[in-house]
C-alpha atoms as a PDB file:
ATOM      1  CA  MET A   1       0.000   0.000   0.000  1.00  0.00           C
ATOM      2  CA  PHE A   2       1.034   3.583  -0.582  1.00  0.00           C
ATOM      3  CA  GLN A   3      -0.467   7.092  -0.568  1.00  0.00           C
ATOM      4  CA  PHE A   4      -0.787   9.985  -2.968  1.00  0.00           C
ATOM      5  CA  ARG A   5      -0.071  13.425  -1.542  1.00  0.00           C
ATOM      6  CA  SER A   6       0.061  17.049  -2.547  1.00  0.00           C
ATOM      7  CA  GLN A   7       0.568  20.078  -0.308  1.00  0.00           C
ATOM      8  CA  GLU A   8      -3.166  20.343   0.407  1.00  0.00           C
ATOM      9  CA  TRP A   9      -4.462  16.799  -0.107  1.00  0.00           C
ATOM     10  CA  SER A  10      -3.809  13.172   0.854  1.00  0.00           C
ATOM     11  CA  SER A  11      -5.464  10.062  -0.543  1.00  0.00           C
ATOM     12  CA  GLY A  12      -5.122   7.853   2.494  1.00  0.00           C
ATOM     13  CA  PRO A  13      -4.081   4.224   1.890  1.00  0.00           C
ATOM     14  CA  VAL A  14      -4.101   3.208  -1.800  1.00  0.00           C
ATOM     15  CA  VAL A  15      -4.138  -0.318  -3.208  1.00  0.00           C
ATOM     16  CA  GLU A  16      -3.174  -0.886  -6.847  1.00  0.00           C
ATOM     17  CA  ALA A  17      -5.570  -3.111  -8.797  1.00  0.00           C
ATOM     18  CA  VAL A  18      -3.364  -5.618 -10.599  1.00  0.00           C
ATOM     19  CA  THR A  19      -5.632  -8.661 -10.924  1.00  0.00           C
ATOM     20  CA  PHE A  20      -8.640  -8.981 -13.222  1.00  0.00           C
ATOM     21  CA  TRP A  21     -10.998  -9.569 -10.284  1.00  0.00           C
ATOM     22  CA  ARG A  22      -9.730  -6.518  -8.377  1.00  0.00           C
ATOM     23  CA  ARG A  23     -10.105  -4.323 -11.485  1.00  0.00           C
ATOM     24  CA  LEU A  24     -13.626  -5.671 -12.091  1.00  0.00           C
ATOM     25  CA  THR A  25     -14.892  -5.183  -8.534  1.00  0.00           C
ATOM     26  CA  GLY A  26     -13.048  -1.933  -7.750  1.00  0.00           C
ATOM     27  CA  LEU A  27     -14.146  -0.546  -4.386  1.00  0.00           C
ATOM     28  CA  CYS A  28     -17.402  -2.564  -4.486  1.00  0.00           C
ATOM     29  CA  PRO A  29     -19.423  -2.441  -2.348  1.00  0.00           C
ATOM     30  CA  VAL A  30     -17.694  -0.102   0.140  1.00  0.00           C
ATOM     31  CA  ALA A  31     -14.036   0.113   1.117  1.00  0.00           C
ATOM     32  CA  THR A  32     -11.858   2.214   3.362  1.00  0.00           C
ATOM     33  CA  ASN A  33      -8.833   2.234   1.036  1.00  0.00           C
ATOM     34  CA  ALA A  34      -8.502   4.027  -2.285  1.00  0.00           C
ATOM     35  CA  LEU A  35      -7.905   1.986  -5.443  1.00  0.00           C
ATOM     36  CA  LEU A  36      -5.581   2.822  -8.342  1.00  0.00           C
ATOM     37  CA  LEU A  37      -6.380   1.370 -11.774  1.00  0.00           C
ATOM     38  CA  ARG A  38      -4.416   1.647 -14.991  1.00  0.00           C
ATOM     39  CA  ALA A  39      -7.478   2.615 -17.017  1.00  0.00           C
ATOM     40  CA  ARG A  40      -9.379   5.449 -18.645  1.00  0.00           C
ATOM     41  CA  SER A  41     -12.831   4.285 -17.614  1.00  0.00           C
ATOM     42  CA  VAL A  42     -14.551   2.728 -14.613  1.00  0.00           C
ATOM     43  CA  HIS A  43     -18.069   1.672 -13.714  1.00  0.00           C
ATOM     44  CA  THR A  44     -20.117   1.946 -10.543  1.00  0.00           C
ATOM     45  CA  VAL A  45     -22.312  -1.094 -11.177  1.00  0.00           C
ATOM     46  CA  GLY A  46     -22.887  -2.837  -7.858  1.00  0.00           C
ATOM     47  CA  MET A  47     -22.028   0.236  -5.775  1.00  0.00           C
ATOM     48  CA  ARG A  48     -24.457   1.368  -3.100  1.00  0.00           C
ATOM     49  CA  HIS A  49     -22.851   4.744  -2.501  1.00  0.00           C
ATOM     50  CA  VAL A  50     -21.326   7.532  -4.544  1.00  0.00           C
ATOM     51  CA  LEU A  51     -17.711   7.105  -5.549  1.00  0.00           C
ATOM     52  CA  GLY A  52     -14.950   9.672  -5.909  1.00  0.00           C
ATOM     53  CA  VAL A  53     -13.197   9.233  -9.260  1.00  0.00           C
ATOM     54  CA  VAL A  54      -9.932  11.021 -10.071  1.00  0.00           C
ATOM     55  CA  GLY A  55      -8.310  10.845 -13.500  1.00  0.00           C
ATOM     56  CA  LEU A  56      -4.518  11.034 -13.392  1.00  0.00           C
ATOM     57  CA  GLY A  57      -2.415  11.909 -16.426  1.00  0.00           C
ATOM     58  CA  GLU A  58       1.304  11.731 -17.113  1.00  0.00           C
ATOM     59  CA  GLY A  59       3.301  12.302 -13.920  1.00  0.00           C
ATOM     60  CA  PHE A  60       0.176  11.780 -11.771  1.00  0.00           C
ATOM     61  CA  VAL A  61      -1.277  15.199 -12.625  1.00  0.00           C
ATOM     62  CA  VAL A  62      -5.004  15.371 -11.813  1.00  0.00           C
ATOM     63  CA  VAL A  63      -6.798  15.834 -15.153  1.00  0.00           C
ATOM     64  CA  GLU A  64     -10.349  15.317 -13.872  1.00  0.00           C
ATOM     65  CA  ALA A  65     -12.072  14.723 -10.527  1.00  0.00           C
ATOM     66  CA  ARG A  66     -15.742  14.081  -9.879  1.00  0.00           C
ATOM     67  CA  THR A  67     -18.247  12.262  -7.722  1.00  0.00           C
ATOM     68  CA  VAL A  68     -20.129   9.473  -9.498  1.00  0.00           C
ATOM     69  CA  GLN A  69     -23.509   7.982  -8.609  1.00  0.00           C
ATOM     70  CA  PRO A  70     -24.141   4.192  -8.613  1.00  0.00           C
ATOM     71  CA  LEU A  71     -24.919   2.411 -11.914  1.00  0.00           C
ATOM     72  CA  ARG A  72     -22.824   4.742 -14.082  1.00  0.00           C
ATOM     73  CA  VAL A  73     -19.892   4.393 -16.470  1.00  0.00           C
ATOM     74  CA  VAL A  74     -17.180   7.059 -16.356  1.00  0.00           C
ATOM     75  CA  LEU A  75     -14.816   7.740 -19.252  1.00  0.00           C
ATOM     76  CA  MET A  76     -11.816  10.011 -18.704  1.00  0.00           C
ATOM     77  CA  GLY A  77     -10.093  10.050 -22.081  1.00  0.00           C
ATOM     78  CA  SER A  78      -7.063  12.098 -21.054  1.00  0.00           C
ATOM     79  CA  ALA A  79      -6.337   9.951 -17.976  1.00  0.00           C
ATOM     80  CA  ARG A  80      -3.714   7.207 -17.839  1.00  0.00           C
ATOM     81  CA  TRP A  81      -4.718   6.106 -14.348  1.00  0.00           C
ATOM     82  CA  ILE A  82      -7.951   6.321 -12.364  1.00  0.00           C
ATOM     83  CA  LEU A  83      -7.999   6.650  -8.604  1.00  0.00           C
ATOM     84  CA  GLU A  84     -11.226   5.505  -6.947  1.00  0.00           C
ATOM     85  CA  LEU A  85     -11.918   7.062  -3.566  1.00  0.00           C
ATOM     86  CA  PRO A  86     -14.457   6.143  -0.894  1.00  0.00           C
ATOM     87  CA  PRO A  87     -17.391   8.577  -0.594  1.00  0.00           C
ATOM     88  CA  ASP A  88     -16.096  10.220   2.589  1.00  0.00           C
ATOM     89  CA  ARG A  89     -12.779  11.346   1.034  1.00  0.00           C
ATOM     90  CA  PRO A  90     -12.431  14.814  -0.527  1.00  0.00           C
ATOM     91  CA  LEU A  91     -11.286  15.064  -4.150  1.00  0.00           C
ATOM     92  CA  PRO A  92      -8.034  16.776  -5.182  1.00  0.00           C
ATOM     93  CA  GLU A  93      -8.080  19.887  -7.395  1.00  0.00           C
ATOM     94  CA  VAL A  94      -7.652  19.519 -11.153  1.00  0.00           C
ATOM     95  CA  GLY A  95      -4.101  20.486 -12.185  1.00  0.00           C
ATOM     96  CA  VAL A  96      -2.445  19.350  -8.943  1.00  0.00           C
ATOM     97  CA  THR A  97       0.483  16.954  -9.231  1.00  0.00           C
ATOM     98  CA  LEU A  98       0.265  14.055  -6.795  1.00  0.00           C
ATOM     99  CA  VAL A  99       3.346  12.401  -5.327  1.00  0.00           C
ATOM    100  CA  LYS A 100       3.322   8.661  -4.684  1.00  0.00           C
ATOM    101  CA  CYS A 101       4.638   7.966  -1.157  1.00  0.00           C
END
């Protein structure tokens, strides 16, 4: 596990999704850790709560950040990575560079 940080924001514990099953299930149904996926899209099928979704570009720069309702598909075309956050975590600002610690 690791964390992403900027001067004003911290992700909390992050787990990288490396297996097919972990990528498919994501944070379903509710988790306390954040999840990092090498992807440009995610879904919230099976979620009971909103999900924080952060698109990360080259160098872990935040290219998009939004809250997503259950039963949705999110496409972030300019992202190389997607960080899924539990509903109680704040989202980082677009344009911020995150450091992996």
